[in-house]
Amino acid sequence: MANLPLDLLELIDRSFMLHAGYLLPVPAGVNNRYQWLHTQAPYSLLAHDNSDDPKFIYANQQALRCFKYSEEEFIGLPSRFSAAETDRPARQVLLLTVREKGIAGNYTGPRIDKFNQSFTIYDGIVWQICQQQEVIGQAALFWPDDLERPDWFQADR
């Protein structure tokens, strides 16, 4: 596993706070929130840049498990490949909503892994990543299943 991308994770977290009003949820008592978000979070956390064909710039371990890529394979991959070609228009509508509003939530939809196998993401939240008042990309949080969420996770504070 590559080194913890601390600066990027802090930026993703601060941008979430800017749009949602609170930091990314972690359980009480976590000593190193960014290490926990990167390696232990039960939800996926990923981000892509703001290029014309956005490419992934970050994925935590849960996201890599869902998409079945290594970190080296995933970083730099065009994010459109996270959805089947038939599902990309709906994904694009979500991303345009985020561009307009800064954040969008309650998203559930189909995605595909490295082996072109479909899976569903649940309770997705997507937001703009902002650095010095400039949008540099978008980040997403989603759950790999539709089970009840832990008490410490409150997506609608």
Protein backbone atom coordinates (compact mmCIF):
# COMPACT_ATOMS: atom_id res chain seq x y z
CA MET A 1 0.00 0.00 0.00
CA ALA A 2 1.28 3.46 -0.86
CA ASN A 3 1.92 6.05 1.83
CA LEU A 4 -1.05 7.68 3.48
CA PRO A 5 -2.02 10.68 1.28
CA LEU A 6 -2.46 12.91 4.31
CA ASP A 7 -2.72 16.27 2.52
CA LEU A 8 -5.33 14.96 0.10
CA LEU A 9 -7.37 13.26 2.84
CA GLU A 10 -7.34 16.46 4.91
CA LEU A 11 -8.52 18.39 1.85
CA ILE A 12 -11.31 15.87 1.17
CA ASP A 13 -12.35 16.03 4.84
CA ARG A 14 -12.31 19.85 4.99
CA SER A 15 -14.28 20.04 1.73
CA PHE A 16 -16.87 17.65 3.16
CA MET A 17 -17.14 19.92 6.21
CA LEU A 18 -17.58 22.93 3.92
CA HIS A 19 -20.52 21.31 2.11
CA ALA A 20 -22.07 19.01 4.75
CA GLY A 21 -21.39 21.04 7.89
CA TYR A 22 -19.44 18.29 9.67
CA LEU A 23 -16.29 16.24 9.14
CA LEU A 24 -16.34 12.75 7.63
CA PRO A 25 -17.83 10.41 10.23
CA VAL A 26 -15.46 8.32 12.35
CA PRO A 27 -16.16 6.48 15.59
CA ALA A 28 -15.29 8.11 18.90
CA GLY A 29 -11.86 7.24 20.22
CA VAL A 30 -10.09 6.94 16.87
CA ASN A 31 -6.54 8.20 17.45
CA ASN A 32 -5.56 8.89 13.83
CA ARG A 33 -8.65 9.81 11.81
CA TYR A 34 -6.89 9.89 8.45
CA GLN A 35 -5.19 6.53 8.92
CA TRP A 36 -8.57 5.11 9.98
CA LEU A 37 -10.36 6.66 6.97
CA HIS A 38 -7.70 5.26 4.64
CA THR A 39 -7.39 1.73 6.03
CA GLN A 40 -10.33 0.86 8.28
CA ALA A 41 -13.41 2.83 7.26
CA PRO A 42 -16.34 0.50 6.51
CA TYR A 43 -17.46 2.92 3.79
CA SER A 44 -15.70 3.67 0.54
CA LEU A 45 -14.05 7.02 0.09
CA LEU A 46 -12.69 8.07 -3.29
CA ALA A 47 -12.00 11.14 -5.37
CA HIS A 48 -11.33 12.21 -8.93
CA ASP A 49 -9.73 15.33 -10.36
CA ASN A 50 -11.42 18.13 -12.26
CA SER A 51 -10.06 17.32 -15.74
CA ASP A 52 -12.28 16.99 -18.82
CA ASP A 53 -12.15 13.19 -18.41
CA PRO A 54 -11.77 13.00 -14.61
CA LYS A 55 -9.26 10.52 -13.26
CA PHE A 56 -9.20 8.96 -9.83
CA ILE A 57 -6.75 10.62 -7.46
CA TYR A 58 -7.68 8.78 -4.26
CA ALA A 59 -9.33 5.58 -3.02
CA ASN A 60 -9.38 4.17 0.49
CA GLN A 61 -8.98 0.44 1.13
CA GLN A 62 -12.75 -0.20 1.19
CA ALA A 63 -13.17 1.43 -2.24
CA LEU A 64 -10.30 -0.65 -3.64
CA ARG A 65 -11.96 -3.82 -2.28
CA CYS A 66 -15.28 -2.85 -3.91
CA PHE A 67 -13.75 -2.08 -7.29
CA LYS A 68 -11.17 -4.93 -7.03
CA TYR A 69 -8.25 -2.80 -8.23
CA SER A 70 -4.86 -2.33 -6.65
CA GLU A 71 -4.10 1.23 -5.64
CA GLU A 72 -1.58 1.48 -8.49
CA GLU A 73 -4.21 0.38 -11.03
CA PHE A 74 -6.97 2.62 -9.67
CA ILE A 75 -5.15 5.94 -9.30
CA GLY A 76 -5.16 7.59 -12.71
CA LEU A 77 -8.03 5.47 -14.05
CA PRO A 78 -10.74 7.58 -15.73
CA SER A 79 -13.58 7.63 -13.21
CA ARG A 80 -16.18 7.01 -15.92
CA PHE A 81 -14.94 3.40 -15.93
CA SER A 82 -16.46 2.96 -12.46
CA ALA A 83 -19.86 2.61 -14.17
CA ALA A 84 -20.98 0.45 -17.07
CA GLU A 85 -21.45 2.35 -20.31
CA THR A 86 -25.25 2.09 -19.98
CA ASP A 87 -25.10 3.56 -16.44
CA ARG A 88 -22.79 6.47 -17.24
CA PRO A 89 -25.56 8.95 -18.18
CA ALA A 90 -27.16 8.60 -14.71
CA ARG A 91 -23.71 8.95 -13.10
CA GLN A 92 -23.10 12.09 -15.16
CA VAL A 93 -26.40 13.61 -13.97
CA LEU A 94 -25.25 13.04 -10.37
CA LEU A 95 -21.90 14.72 -11.06
CA LEU A 96 -23.58 17.70 -12.73
CA THR A 97 -25.88 18.10 -9.72
CA VAL A 98 -22.80 18.17 -7.49
CA ARG A 99 -21.20 20.83 -9.71
CA GLU A 100 -24.31 22.97 -9.38
CA LYS A 101 -25.05 22.43 -5.66
CA GLY A 102 -21.67 21.50 -4.20
CA ILE A 103 -22.98 18.25 -2.69
CA ALA A 104 -25.56 15.55 -3.37
CA GLY A 105 -26.60 12.64 -1.20
CA ASN A 106 -28.85 9.62 -0.84
CA TYR A 107 -27.46 8.11 -4.04
CA THR A 108 -27.75 4.40 -4.72
CA GLY A 109 -26.74 2.99 -8.07
CA PRO A 110 -24.89 0.37 -10.06
CA ARG A 111 -21.12 0.31 -10.56
CA ILE A 112 -18.69 -2.14 -12.12
CA ASP A 113 -15.45 -3.58 -10.83
CA LYS A 114 -12.17 -4.32 -12.58
CA PHE A 115 -13.62 -7.56 -13.94
CA ASN A 116 -16.75 -5.88 -15.34
CA GLN A 117 -18.89 -7.38 -12.58
CA SER A 118 -21.76 -5.19 -11.45
CA PHE A 119 -22.25 -4.20 -7.82
CA THR A 120 -24.42 -1.62 -6.09
CA ILE A 121 -23.27 1.36 -4.07
CA TYR A 122 -25.57 2.58 -1.30
CA ASP A 123 -26.18 5.87 0.50
CA GLY A 124 -23.68 7.72 -1.65
CA ILE A 125 -22.68 11.30 -0.94
CA VAL A 126 -20.69 13.21 -3.55
CA TRP A 127 -19.18 16.65 -2.99
CA GLN A 128 -16.83 19.18 -4.55
CA ILE A 129 -13.22 19.20 -3.38
CA CYS A 130 -12.22 22.82 -2.86
CA GLN A 131 -8.75 24.22 -2.37
CA GLN A 132 -8.38 27.94 -1.75
CA GLN A 133 -11.89 28.54 -3.14
CA GLU A 134 -11.11 26.65 -6.36
CA VAL A 135 -12.85 23.37 -7.23
CA ILE A 136 -10.17 20.78 -7.95
CA GLY A 137 -12.33 17.66 -8.11
CA GLN A 138 -15.11 15.66 -6.54
CA ALA A 139 -15.10 13.11 -3.73
CA ALA A 140 -17.55 10.37 -2.87
CA LEU A 141 -18.48 8.30 0.13
CA PHE A 142 -20.60 5.19 -0.33
CA TRP A 143 -21.45 1.97 1.46
CA PRO A 144 -20.88 -1.46 -0.12
CA ASP A 145 -24.13 -2.87 1.29
CA ASP A 146 -27.61 -1.80 2.28
CA LEU A 147 -27.31 -2.84 5.93
CA GLU A 148 -28.01 -0.66 8.94
CA ARG A 149 -25.30 1.93 9.56
CA PRO A 150 -23.21 2.12 12.76
CA ASP A 151 -24.44 4.49 15.48
CA TRP A 152 -21.43 6.76 14.97
CA PHE A 153 -22.36 7.28 11.31
CA GLN A 154 -24.92 10.01 10.89
CA ALA A 155 -25.03 11.06 7.26
CA ASP A 156 -27.81 13.59 7.81
CA ARG A 157 -26.65 15.50 10.89
